[in-house]
């Protein structure tokens, strides 16, 4: 908690990694970058997926 107080506004912290089930269909592009997604959660709300 002490470290949070000294971080600049807008900083991001990796809290944990998650596993997920993804829906894919015939014709979808299979690319390794497909698995390098980051989900940003702010105050318990998903605000960005990149």
C-alpha atoms as a PDB file:
ATOM      1  CA  UNK A   1       0.000   0.000   0.000  1.00  0.00           C
ATOM      2  CA  UNK A   2       2.888   2.360   0.717  1.00  0.00           C
ATOM      3  CA  UNK A   3       4.178   1.889  -2.826  1.00  0.00           C
ATOM      4  CA  UNK A   4       0.796   2.891  -4.264  1.00  0.00           C
ATOM      5  CA  UNK A   5       1.070   6.264  -2.594  1.00  0.00           C
ATOM      6  CA  UNK A   6       4.354   7.109  -4.352  1.00  0.00           C
ATOM      7  CA  UNK A   7       3.391   5.960  -7.873  1.00  0.00           C
ATOM      8  CA  UNK A   8       2.711   8.715 -10.396  1.00  0.00           C
ATOM      9  CA  UNK A   9      -0.916   9.172 -11.435  1.00  0.00           C
ATOM     10  CA  UNK A  10      -1.732   6.935 -14.410  1.00  0.00           C
ATOM     11  CA  UNK A  11       0.769   4.204 -13.474  1.00  0.00           C
ATOM     12  CA  UNK A  12      -0.206   0.600 -14.054  1.00  0.00           C
ATOM     13  CA  UNK A  13       0.497  -2.395 -11.817  1.00  0.00           C
ATOM     14  CA  UNK A  14       0.376  -6.012 -12.941  1.00  0.00           C
ATOM     15  CA  UNK A  15      -1.586  -7.700 -10.210  1.00  0.00           C
ATOM     16  CA  UNK A  16      -2.046 -11.198 -11.561  1.00  0.00           C
ATOM     17  CA  UNK A  17      -2.376 -13.282 -14.680  1.00  0.00           C
ATOM     18  CA  UNK A  18      -5.598 -15.010 -15.658  1.00  0.00           C
ATOM     19  CA  UNK A  19      -6.577 -17.879 -17.888  1.00  0.00           C
ATOM     20  CA  UNK A  20      -9.633 -17.598 -20.109  1.00  0.00           C
ATOM     21  CA  UNK A  21     -11.719 -19.576 -22.551  1.00  0.00           C
ATOM     22  CA  UNK A  22     -11.913 -17.836 -25.922  1.00  0.00           C
ATOM     23  CA  UNK A  23     -14.509 -18.311 -28.631  1.00  0.00           C
ATOM     24  CA  UNK A  24     -13.011 -18.986 -32.045  1.00  0.00           C
ATOM     25  CA  UNK A  25     -14.685 -19.786 -35.338  1.00  0.00           C
ATOM     26  CA  UNK A  26     -13.634 -21.227 -38.675  1.00  0.00           C
ATOM     27  CA  UNK A  27     -11.928 -18.424 -40.584  1.00  0.00           C
ATOM     28  CA  UNK A  28     -10.606 -16.594 -37.511  1.00  0.00           C
ATOM     29  CA  UNK A  29      -6.961 -15.529 -37.767  1.00  0.00           C
ATOM     30  CA  UNK A  30      -4.673 -17.485 -35.409  1.00  0.00           C
ATOM     31  CA  UNK A  31      -1.896 -15.195 -34.232  1.00  0.00           C
ATOM     32  CA  UNK A  32       0.330 -15.451 -31.171  1.00  0.00           C
ATOM     33  CA  UNK A  33      -0.390 -11.785 -30.367  1.00  0.00           C
ATOM     34  CA  UNK A  34      -3.985 -12.932 -29.813  1.00  0.00           C
ATOM     35  CA  UNK A  35      -2.804 -14.183 -26.406  1.00  0.00           C
ATOM     36  CA  UNK A  36      -0.888 -11.055 -25.380  1.00  0.00           C
ATOM     37  CA  UNK A  37      -3.918  -9.069 -24.225  1.00  0.00           C
ATOM     38  CA  UNK A  38      -3.975  -6.747 -21.252  1.00  0.00           C
ATOM     39  CA  UNK A  39      -7.203  -5.984 -19.411  1.00  0.00           C
ATOM     40  CA  UNK A  40      -7.195  -2.710 -17.492  1.00  0.00           C
ATOM     41  CA  UNK A  41      -9.545  -2.598 -14.501  1.00  0.00           C
ATOM     42  CA  UNK A  42     -10.221   0.697 -12.733  1.00  0.00           C
ATOM     43  CA  UNK A  43     -12.257   0.676  -9.521  1.00  0.00           C
ATOM     44  CA  UNK A  44     -13.608  -2.794 -10.359  1.00  0.00           C
ATOM     45  CA  UNK A  45     -14.694  -1.867 -13.916  1.00  0.00           C
ATOM     46  CA  UNK A  46     -13.003  -3.087 -17.112  1.00  0.00           C
ATOM     47  CA  UNK A  47     -11.940   0.154 -18.781  1.00  0.00           C
ATOM     48  CA  UNK A  48      -9.681  -1.102 -21.559  1.00  0.00           C
ATOM     49  CA  UNK A  49      -8.607  -4.259 -23.398  1.00  0.00           C
ATOM     50  CA  UNK A  50      -5.399  -3.972 -25.378  1.00  0.00           C
END
